[in-house]
N, C-alpha and C. Protein backbone atom coordinates (compact mmCIF):
# COMPACT_ATOMS: atom_id res chain seq x y z
N UNK A 1 0.83 -1.21 0.00
CA UNK A 1 0.00 0.00 0.00
C UNK A 1 0.87 1.26 0.00
N UNK A 2 1.94 1.22 0.80
CA UNK A 2 2.84 2.38 0.84
C UNK A 2 3.51 2.62 -0.51
N UNK A 3 3.89 1.54 -1.17
CA UNK A 3 4.54 1.68 -2.48
C UNK A 3 3.56 2.22 -3.52
N UNK A 4 2.31 1.81 -3.44
CA UNK A 4 1.29 2.31 -4.37
C UNK A 4 1.07 3.79 -4.12
N UNK A 5 0.94 4.18 -2.87
CA UNK A 5 0.75 5.59 -2.54
C UNK A 5 1.95 6.40 -3.01
N UNK A 6 3.14 5.87 -2.82
CA UNK A 6 4.35 6.56 -3.29
C UNK A 6 4.33 6.72 -4.82
N UNK A 7 3.92 5.69 -5.52
CA UNK A 7 3.82 5.78 -6.98
C UNK A 7 2.79 6.85 -7.38
N UNK A 8 1.67 6.90 -6.68
CA UNK A 8 0.65 7.91 -6.95
C UNK A 8 1.21 9.31 -6.71
N UNK A 9 1.90 9.49 -5.61
CA UNK A 9 2.45 10.80 -5.27
C UNK A 9 3.53 11.22 -6.28
N UNK A 10 4.32 10.28 -6.72
CA UNK A 10 5.32 10.59 -7.75
C UNK A 10 4.62 10.99 -9.06
N UNK A 11 3.55 10.29 -9.39
CA UNK A 11 2.83 10.57 -10.63
C UNK A 11 2.24 11.97 -10.64
N UNK A 12 1.64 12.38 -9.54
CA UNK A 12 1.01 13.69 -9.50
C UNK A 12 2.05 14.81 -9.53
N UNK A 13 3.28 14.49 -9.13
CA UNK A 13 4.35 15.48 -9.14
C UNK A 13 5.23 15.39 -10.38
N UNK A 14 4.95 14.47 -11.26
CA UNK A 14 5.83 14.17 -12.38
C UNK A 14 5.99 15.31 -13.37
N UNK A 15 5.04 16.22 -13.41
CA UNK A 15 5.17 17.30 -14.39
C UNK A 15 5.70 18.60 -13.79
N UNK A 16 6.16 18.53 -12.55
CA UNK A 16 6.81 19.70 -11.96
C UNK A 16 8.13 19.97 -12.66
N UNK A 17 8.42 21.23 -12.83
CA UNK A 17 9.66 21.61 -13.50
C UNK A 17 10.87 21.03 -12.76
N UNK A 18 11.73 20.39 -13.50
CA UNK A 18 12.92 19.80 -12.92
C UNK A 18 12.72 18.38 -12.41
N UNK A 19 11.47 17.93 -12.35
CA UNK A 19 11.20 16.58 -11.86
C UNK A 19 10.60 15.69 -12.95
N UNK A 20 10.67 16.16 -14.20
CA UNK A 20 10.08 15.38 -15.27
C UNK A 20 10.73 14.00 -15.34
N UNK A 21 9.92 12.98 -15.40
CA UNK A 21 10.39 11.63 -15.60
C UNK A 21 9.24 10.83 -16.18
N UNK A 22 9.54 9.66 -16.65
CA UNK A 22 8.51 8.84 -17.28
C UNK A 22 7.69 8.15 -16.21
N UNK A 23 6.62 8.80 -15.80
CA UNK A 23 5.79 8.31 -14.72
C UNK A 23 5.08 7.01 -15.09
N UNK A 24 4.82 6.82 -16.36
CA UNK A 24 4.14 5.59 -16.77
C UNK A 24 4.92 4.35 -16.35
N UNK A 25 6.24 4.42 -16.42
CA UNK A 25 7.06 3.28 -16.02
C UNK A 25 6.92 3.00 -14.53
N UNK A 26 6.87 4.04 -13.73
CA UNK A 26 6.73 3.89 -12.29
C UNK A 26 5.39 3.23 -11.98
N UNK A 27 4.33 3.73 -12.60
CA UNK A 27 2.99 3.19 -12.34
C UNK A 27 2.87 1.75 -12.86
N UNK A 28 3.39 1.49 -14.05
CA UNK A 28 3.34 0.13 -14.61
C UNK A 28 4.11 -0.86 -13.73
N UNK A 29 5.28 -0.43 -13.26
CA UNK A 29 6.10 -1.30 -12.41
C UNK A 29 5.34 -1.63 -11.12
N UNK A 30 4.76 -0.61 -10.50
CA UNK A 30 4.03 -0.84 -9.26
C UNK A 30 2.80 -1.70 -9.49
N UNK A 31 2.08 -1.44 -10.56
CA UNK A 31 0.89 -2.23 -10.87
C UNK A 31 1.27 -3.70 -11.07
N UNK A 32 2.35 -3.94 -11.77
CA UNK A 32 2.80 -5.31 -12.02
C UNK A 32 3.26 -6.01 -10.74
N UNK A 33 3.73 -5.23 -9.77
CA UNK A 33 4.24 -5.84 -8.53
C UNK A 33 3.15 -6.19 -7.52
N UNK A 34 1.93 -5.73 -7.75
CA UNK A 34 0.83 -6.01 -6.82
C UNK A 34 0.27 -7.40 -7.10
N UNK A 35 0.18 -8.19 -6.05
CA UNK A 35 -0.33 -9.56 -6.19
C UNK A 35 -1.81 -9.66 -5.86
N UNK A 36 -2.29 -8.84 -4.96
CA UNK A 36 -3.69 -8.87 -4.56
C UNK A 36 -4.56 -8.33 -5.71
N UNK A 37 -5.50 -9.14 -6.22
CA UNK A 37 -6.28 -8.71 -7.39
C UNK A 37 -7.14 -7.47 -7.13
N UNK A 38 -7.68 -7.33 -5.92
CA UNK A 38 -8.49 -6.14 -5.61
C UNK A 38 -7.63 -4.88 -5.58
N UNK A 39 -6.45 -4.98 -4.99
CA UNK A 39 -5.55 -3.82 -4.94
C UNK A 39 -5.05 -3.46 -6.34
N UNK A 40 -4.87 -4.47 -7.16
CA UNK A 40 -4.46 -4.24 -8.55
C UNK A 40 -5.57 -3.50 -9.31
N UNK A 41 -6.82 -3.92 -9.12
CA UNK A 41 -7.96 -3.26 -9.77
C UNK A 41 -8.10 -1.82 -9.28
N UNK A 42 -7.89 -1.61 -7.98
CA UNK A 42 -7.97 -0.26 -7.41
C UNK A 42 -6.94 0.65 -8.08
N UNK A 43 -5.71 0.17 -8.16
CA UNK A 43 -4.67 1.01 -8.75
C UNK A 43 -4.98 1.29 -10.23
N UNK A 44 -5.41 0.27 -10.95
CA UNK A 44 -5.74 0.46 -12.37
C UNK A 44 -6.88 1.47 -12.53
N UNK A 45 -7.81 1.48 -11.60
CA UNK A 45 -8.92 2.44 -11.65
C UNK A 45 -8.42 3.87 -11.45
N UNK A 46 -7.49 4.06 -10.52
CA UNK A 46 -7.02 5.40 -10.14
C UNK A 46 -6.02 5.98 -11.14
N UNK A 47 -5.27 5.16 -11.82
CA UNK A 47 -4.20 5.62 -12.71
C UNK A 47 -4.64 6.71 -13.70
N UNK A 48 -5.79 6.60 -14.36
CA UNK A 48 -6.16 7.67 -15.30
C UNK A 48 -6.31 9.05 -14.65
N UNK A 49 -6.67 9.10 -13.38
CA UNK A 49 -6.79 10.38 -12.68
C UNK A 49 -5.43 11.02 -12.46
N UNK A 50 -4.37 10.24 -12.57
CA UNK A 50 -3.00 10.72 -12.35
C UNK A 50 -2.28 11.08 -13.64
N UNK A 51 -2.90 10.81 -14.75
CA UNK A 51 -2.24 10.98 -16.04
C UNK A 51 -1.73 12.40 -16.25
N UNK A 52 -0.60 12.50 -16.92
CA UNK A 52 -0.08 13.82 -17.31
C UNK A 52 -0.92 14.40 -18.44
N UNK A 53 -1.63 13.54 -19.14
CA UNK A 53 -2.45 13.94 -20.28
C UNK A 53 -3.82 14.42 -19.79
N UNK A 54 -4.12 15.67 -20.06
CA UNK A 54 -5.37 16.26 -19.59
C UNK A 54 -6.58 15.58 -20.22
N UNK A 55 -6.49 15.15 -21.46
CA UNK A 55 -7.60 14.46 -22.10
C UNK A 55 -7.92 13.15 -21.39
N UNK A 56 -6.90 12.46 -20.92
CA UNK A 56 -7.11 11.21 -20.17
C UNK A 56 -7.81 11.51 -18.86
N UNK A 57 -7.39 12.58 -18.19
CA UNK A 57 -8.06 12.96 -16.93
C UNK A 57 -9.51 13.37 -17.20
N UNK A 58 -9.72 14.11 -18.29
CA UNK A 58 -11.09 14.51 -18.66
C UNK A 58 -11.97 13.28 -18.90
N UNK A 59 -11.44 12.31 -19.63
CA UNK A 59 -12.19 11.08 -19.92
C UNK A 59 -12.50 10.32 -18.63
N UNK A 60 -11.53 10.31 -17.72
CA UNK A 60 -11.77 9.65 -16.43
C UNK A 60 -12.92 10.33 -15.70
N UNK A 61 -12.89 11.66 -15.63
CA UNK A 61 -13.96 12.37 -14.95
C UNK A 61 -15.30 12.09 -15.61
N UNK A 62 -15.34 12.13 -16.93
CA UNK A 62 -16.59 11.84 -17.66
C UNK A 62 -17.11 10.45 -17.33
N UNK A 63 -16.20 9.50 -17.14
CA UNK A 63 -16.61 8.13 -16.82
C UNK A 63 -17.33 8.05 -15.48
N UNK A 64 -17.05 9.00 -14.59
CA UNK A 64 -17.70 8.98 -13.28
C UNK A 64 -19.17 9.38 -13.34
N UNK A 65 -19.60 9.88 -14.47
CA UNK A 65 -21.01 10.23 -14.62
C UNK A 65 -21.88 8.98 -14.71
N UNK A 66 -21.27 7.86 -15.00
CA UNK A 66 -21.98 6.58 -15.02
C UNK A 66 -21.91 5.97 -13.61
N UNK A 67 -23.07 5.75 -12.98
CA UNK A 67 -23.06 5.21 -11.61
C UNK A 67 -22.27 3.90 -11.46
N UNK A 68 -22.21 3.10 -12.51
CA UNK A 68 -21.45 1.85 -12.41
C UNK A 68 -19.97 2.12 -12.19
N UNK A 69 -19.48 3.24 -12.69
CA UNK A 69 -18.08 3.58 -12.51
C UNK A 69 -17.80 4.21 -11.15
N UNK A 70 -18.85 4.39 -10.36
CA UNK A 70 -18.68 4.90 -9.00
C UNK A 70 -18.97 3.81 -7.97
N UNK A 71 -19.00 2.59 -8.42
CA UNK A 71 -19.35 1.46 -7.56
C UNK A 71 -18.43 1.32 -6.35
N UNK A 72 -17.14 1.51 -6.58
CA UNK A 72 -16.16 1.41 -5.49
C UNK A 72 -15.89 2.83 -4.98
N UNK A 73 -16.71 3.29 -4.09
CA UNK A 73 -16.68 4.68 -3.66
C UNK A 73 -15.35 5.12 -3.06
N UNK A 74 -14.69 4.31 -2.25
CA UNK A 74 -13.36 4.74 -1.75
C UNK A 74 -12.34 4.94 -2.88
N UNK A 75 -12.42 4.13 -3.91
CA UNK A 75 -11.53 4.29 -5.06
C UNK A 75 -11.82 5.62 -5.74
N UNK A 76 -13.11 5.92 -5.90
CA UNK A 76 -13.52 7.16 -6.56
C UNK A 76 -13.01 8.36 -5.77
N UNK A 77 -13.15 8.31 -4.45
CA UNK A 77 -12.70 9.43 -3.62
C UNK A 77 -11.19 9.62 -3.72
N UNK A 78 -10.44 8.54 -3.72
CA UNK A 78 -8.99 8.65 -3.86
C UNK A 78 -8.63 9.24 -5.23
N UNK A 79 -9.28 8.74 -6.27
CA UNK A 79 -9.01 9.26 -7.61
C UNK A 79 -9.35 10.74 -7.71
N UNK A 80 -10.47 11.15 -7.12
CA UNK A 80 -10.86 12.56 -7.15
C UNK A 80 -9.85 13.43 -6.41
N UNK A 81 -9.33 12.93 -5.31
CA UNK A 81 -8.32 13.71 -4.57
C UNK A 81 -7.08 13.96 -5.44
N UNK A 82 -6.69 12.96 -6.21
CA UNK A 82 -5.55 13.15 -7.10
C UNK A 82 -5.93 14.01 -8.30
N UNK A 83 -7.13 13.86 -8.80
CA UNK A 83 -7.60 14.68 -9.92
C UNK A 83 -7.60 16.16 -9.53
N UNK A 84 -7.98 16.44 -8.28
CA UNK A 84 -8.07 17.81 -7.76
C UNK A 84 -6.87 18.18 -6.88
N UNK A 85 -5.80 17.44 -7.00
CA UNK A 85 -4.61 17.71 -6.18
C UNK A 85 -4.22 19.18 -6.32
N UNK A 86 -3.72 19.81 -5.24
CA UNK A 86 -3.34 21.22 -5.32
C UNK A 86 -2.38 21.55 -6.47
N UNK A 87 -1.53 20.61 -6.85
CA UNK A 87 -0.61 20.86 -7.96
C UNK A 87 -1.33 20.89 -9.31
N UNK A 88 -2.54 20.38 -9.33
CA UNK A 88 -3.32 20.37 -10.58
C UNK A 88 -4.63 21.13 -10.43
N UNK A 89 -4.76 21.91 -9.39
CA UNK A 89 -6.01 22.61 -9.11
C UNK A 89 -6.43 23.54 -10.25
N UNK A 90 -5.47 24.21 -10.86
CA UNK A 90 -5.80 25.12 -11.95
C UNK A 90 -6.44 24.38 -13.11
N UNK A 91 -5.91 23.21 -13.42
CA UNK A 91 -6.47 22.40 -14.50
C UNK A 91 -7.77 21.72 -14.09
N UNK A 92 -7.92 21.42 -12.81
CA UNK A 92 -9.07 20.66 -12.32
C UNK A 92 -10.27 21.52 -11.98
N UNK A 93 -10.12 22.83 -12.00
CA UNK A 93 -11.23 23.69 -11.61
C UNK A 93 -12.47 23.45 -12.47
N UNK A 94 -12.25 23.01 -13.71
CA UNK A 94 -13.37 22.76 -14.62
C UNK A 94 -14.24 21.59 -14.17
N UNK A 95 -13.77 20.77 -13.26
CA UNK A 95 -14.55 19.62 -12.78
C UNK A 95 -15.47 19.98 -11.61
N UNK A 96 -15.28 21.15 -11.01
CA UNK A 96 -16.05 21.49 -9.82
C UNK A 96 -17.54 21.61 -10.14
N UNK A 97 -17.89 22.43 -11.12
CA UNK A 97 -19.30 22.64 -11.42
C UNK A 97 -20.01 21.33 -11.81
N UNK A 98 -19.45 20.53 -12.73
CA UNK A 98 -20.14 19.27 -13.03
C UNK A 98 -20.23 18.34 -11.82
N UNK A 99 -19.23 18.37 -10.95
CA UNK A 99 -19.27 17.55 -9.73
C UNK A 99 -20.42 17.97 -8.83
N UNK A 100 -20.62 19.28 -8.71
CA UNK A 100 -21.73 19.79 -7.91
C UNK A 100 -23.07 19.43 -8.54
N UNK A 101 -23.16 19.54 -9.86
CA UNK A 101 -24.41 19.19 -10.54
C UNK A 101 -24.75 17.71 -10.36
N UNK A 102 -23.74 16.86 -10.23
CA UNK A 102 -23.97 15.43 -10.06
C UNK A 102 -24.38 15.06 -8.63
N UNK A 103 -24.27 15.99 -7.73
CA UNK A 103 -24.47 15.70 -6.31
C UNK A 103 -25.81 15.03 -5.98
N UNK A 104 -26.94 15.52 -6.48
CA UNK A 104 -28.20 14.82 -6.16
C UNK A 104 -28.21 13.36 -6.62
N UNK A 105 -27.62 13.10 -7.79
CA UNK A 105 -27.55 11.71 -8.26
C UNK A 105 -26.59 10.90 -7.38
N UNK A 106 -25.51 11.52 -6.96
CA UNK A 106 -24.56 10.86 -6.07
C UNK A 106 -25.28 10.44 -4.79
N UNK A 107 -26.15 11.32 -4.30
CA UNK A 107 -26.90 11.02 -3.08
C UNK A 107 -27.86 9.85 -3.32
N UNK A 108 -28.49 9.83 -4.48
CA UNK A 108 -29.48 8.78 -4.77
C UNK A 108 -28.83 7.42 -5.02
N UNK A 109 -27.68 7.41 -5.67
CA UNK A 109 -27.08 6.15 -6.11
C UNK A 109 -25.98 5.63 -5.20
N UNK A 110 -25.52 6.45 -4.28
CA UNK A 110 -24.38 6.04 -3.45
C UNK A 110 -24.74 5.77 -2.00
N UNK A 111 -23.73 5.40 -1.28
CA UNK A 111 -23.83 5.17 0.15
C UNK A 111 -24.17 6.49 0.85
N UNK A 112 -24.69 6.42 2.04
CA UNK A 112 -25.10 7.61 2.80
C UNK A 112 -23.93 8.59 3.02
N UNK A 113 -22.71 8.08 3.11
CA UNK A 113 -21.56 8.94 3.36
C UNK A 113 -20.86 9.41 2.08
N UNK A 114 -21.26 8.88 0.93
CA UNK A 114 -20.57 9.19 -0.31
C UNK A 114 -20.69 10.65 -0.75
N UNK A 115 -21.85 11.30 -0.61
CA UNK A 115 -21.90 12.70 -1.05
C UNK A 115 -20.85 13.58 -0.36
N UNK A 116 -20.67 13.39 0.93
CA UNK A 116 -19.68 14.20 1.64
C UNK A 116 -18.26 13.85 1.19
N UNK A 117 -18.00 12.56 1.01
CA UNK A 117 -16.69 12.15 0.52
C UNK A 117 -16.42 12.68 -0.88
N UNK A 118 -17.43 12.68 -1.72
CA UNK A 118 -17.34 13.22 -3.08
C UNK A 118 -16.98 14.70 -3.04
N UNK A 119 -17.71 15.43 -2.19
CA UNK A 119 -17.48 16.88 -2.08
C UNK A 119 -16.10 17.19 -1.52
N UNK A 120 -15.73 16.51 -0.45
CA UNK A 120 -14.42 16.77 0.17
C UNK A 120 -13.29 16.46 -0.81
N UNK A 121 -13.40 15.35 -1.53
CA UNK A 121 -12.36 14.99 -2.49
C UNK A 121 -12.29 15.99 -3.64
N UNK A 122 -13.45 16.52 -4.01
CA UNK A 122 -13.50 17.49 -5.10
C UNK A 122 -12.95 18.84 -4.70
N UNK A 123 -13.26 19.30 -3.51
CA UNK A 123 -12.91 20.67 -3.12
C UNK A 123 -11.60 20.78 -2.34
N UNK A 124 -11.09 19.70 -1.82
CA UNK A 124 -9.95 19.77 -0.90
C UNK A 124 -8.68 20.33 -1.54
N UNK A 125 -8.50 20.19 -2.83
CA UNK A 125 -7.28 20.66 -3.46
C UNK A 125 -7.33 22.10 -3.94
N UNK A 126 -8.47 22.76 -3.75
CA UNK A 126 -8.66 24.10 -4.29
C UNK A 126 -8.57 25.17 -3.21
N UNK A 127 -8.00 26.32 -3.59
CA UNK A 127 -7.88 27.45 -2.67
C UNK A 127 -8.10 28.78 -3.38
N UNK A 128 -8.62 28.74 -4.60
CA UNK A 128 -8.73 29.95 -5.39
C UNK A 128 -10.10 30.62 -5.24
N UNK A 129 -10.11 31.92 -5.50
CA UNK A 129 -11.36 32.67 -5.49
C UNK A 129 -12.28 32.16 -6.60
N UNK A 130 -11.71 31.74 -7.70
CA UNK A 130 -12.52 31.20 -8.80
C UNK A 130 -13.26 29.94 -8.36
N UNK A 131 -12.58 29.04 -7.68
CA UNK A 131 -13.21 27.81 -7.19
C UNK A 131 -14.30 28.15 -6.18
N UNK A 132 -14.00 29.07 -5.29
CA UNK A 132 -14.98 29.51 -4.30
C UNK A 132 -16.21 30.09 -4.99
N UNK A 133 -15.98 30.89 -6.01
CA UNK A 133 -17.07 31.50 -6.75
C UNK A 133 -17.96 30.47 -7.42
N UNK A 134 -17.36 29.41 -7.96
CA UNK A 134 -18.14 28.35 -8.60
C UNK A 134 -19.08 27.71 -7.59
N UNK A 135 -18.58 27.46 -6.39
CA UNK A 135 -19.42 26.85 -5.35
C UNK A 135 -20.55 27.80 -4.94
N UNK A 136 -20.22 29.05 -4.74
CA UNK A 136 -21.24 30.04 -4.33
C UNK A 136 -22.30 30.22 -5.41
N UNK A 137 -21.88 30.27 -6.66
CA UNK A 137 -22.85 30.40 -7.77
C UNK A 137 -23.76 29.17 -7.81
N UNK A 138 -23.18 28.00 -7.63
CA UNK A 138 -23.99 26.78 -7.62
C UNK A 138 -25.05 26.85 -6.52
N UNK A 139 -24.63 27.23 -5.34
CA UNK A 139 -25.59 27.31 -4.23
C UNK A 139 -26.67 28.36 -4.50
N UNK A 140 -26.28 29.50 -5.05
CA UNK A 140 -27.25 30.55 -5.36
C UNK A 140 -28.22 30.12 -6.46
N UNK A 141 -27.74 29.36 -7.43
CA UNK A 141 -28.58 28.92 -8.55
C UNK A 141 -29.42 27.69 -8.24
N UNK A 142 -29.21 27.10 -7.08
CA UNK A 142 -29.96 25.90 -6.69
C UNK A 142 -30.58 26.08 -5.30
N UNK A 143 -31.47 27.05 -5.16
CA UNK A 143 -32.08 27.28 -3.84
C UNK A 143 -32.98 26.12 -3.39
N UNK A 144 -33.39 25.27 -4.35
CA UNK A 144 -34.24 24.13 -4.02
C UNK A 144 -33.44 22.86 -3.71
N UNK A 145 -32.11 22.99 -3.63
CA UNK A 145 -31.26 21.86 -3.29
C UNK A 145 -31.65 21.31 -1.93
N UNK A 146 -31.68 20.00 -1.83
CA UNK A 146 -31.98 19.34 -0.56
C UNK A 146 -31.16 20.01 0.55
N UNK A 147 -31.80 20.46 1.63
CA UNK A 147 -31.07 21.16 2.69
C UNK A 147 -29.87 20.37 3.25
N UNK A 148 -30.02 19.04 3.29
CA UNK A 148 -28.89 18.23 3.78
C UNK A 148 -27.72 18.32 2.81
N UNK A 149 -28.00 18.30 1.51
CA UNK A 149 -26.92 18.43 0.54
C UNK A 149 -26.31 19.84 0.58
N UNK A 150 -27.16 20.82 0.76
CA UNK A 150 -26.67 22.20 0.86
C UNK A 150 -25.70 22.32 2.04
N UNK A 151 -26.05 21.74 3.16
CA UNK A 151 -25.17 21.78 4.33
C UNK A 151 -23.86 21.04 4.07
N UNK A 152 -23.94 19.93 3.36
CA UNK A 152 -22.72 19.18 3.02
C UNK A 152 -21.81 20.02 2.11
N UNK A 153 -22.41 20.71 1.14
CA UNK A 153 -21.61 21.57 0.26
C UNK A 153 -20.93 22.66 1.08
N UNK A 154 -21.69 23.29 1.95
CA UNK A 154 -21.12 24.36 2.78
C UNK A 154 -20.01 23.84 3.69
N UNK A 155 -20.23 22.67 4.26
CA UNK A 155 -19.22 22.09 5.16
C UNK A 155 -17.95 21.74 4.39
N UNK A 156 -18.11 21.10 3.23
CA UNK A 156 -16.93 20.72 2.43
C UNK A 156 -16.21 21.93 1.87
N UNK A 157 -16.96 22.99 1.57
CA UNK A 157 -16.37 24.19 0.98
C UNK A 157 -15.81 25.14 2.03
N UNK A 158 -16.07 24.91 3.29
CA UNK A 158 -15.61 25.83 4.33
C UNK A 158 -14.09 26.07 4.28
N UNK A 159 -13.26 25.03 4.18
CA UNK A 159 -11.81 25.31 4.08
C UNK A 159 -11.45 26.15 2.84
N UNK A 160 -12.14 25.92 1.74
CA UNK A 160 -11.93 26.71 0.53
C UNK A 160 -12.31 28.17 0.78
N UNK A 161 -13.48 28.39 1.35
CA UNK A 161 -13.92 29.76 1.64
C UNK A 161 -12.95 30.46 2.59
N UNK A 162 -12.47 29.73 3.60
CA UNK A 162 -11.52 30.31 4.56
C UNK A 162 -10.18 30.65 3.89
N UNK A 163 -9.72 29.76 3.01
CA UNK A 163 -8.45 30.00 2.31
C UNK A 163 -8.54 31.26 1.45
N UNK A 164 -9.66 31.42 0.78
CA UNK A 164 -9.85 32.61 -0.06
C UNK A 164 -9.90 33.87 0.81
N UNK A 165 -10.61 33.76 1.91
CA UNK A 165 -10.73 34.91 2.83
C UNK A 165 -9.36 35.30 3.38
N UNK A 166 -8.56 34.31 3.75
CA UNK A 166 -7.23 34.58 4.31
C UNK A 166 -6.27 35.16 3.27
N UNK A 167 -6.48 34.80 2.01
CA UNK A 167 -5.57 35.29 0.97
C UNK A 167 -5.83 36.74 0.59
N UNK A 168 -6.94 37.30 1.03
CA UNK A 168 -7.26 38.69 0.69
C UNK A 168 -6.57 39.65 1.62
């Protein structure tokens, strides 16, 4: 598990200036070294969220619109955290609004705790006023949102709102 996490962390940092390396080899090596079939499937599921290729990450996010691809909720949350990693927050900001729009369906199709995990994984890597604005606009444009979901959005977005406030 530690080696897989290390491979994930290396992958998300692979495009930093001065640290460029062929991350695919690291991920392939680690995937090949896993013997447990469930852990192997988990890693294979998360890898597209780590891709240096933005189109691959976009396709991964689009795949999450299908409830069958959200079946393993802990895997989805881990992948979302890497998709929205602070090092990729600028590129990932485009996923916030669709993630929020999917929230009622996430509540209907997932476990009772999944909406909060979805929100936290989506918003945790962001600290920009633009990201904060997207959340506020969503809440303003959806006054009929289930009050429980509204509270979850506010709770998950609180660190984002605070970060923006502190940066002013």
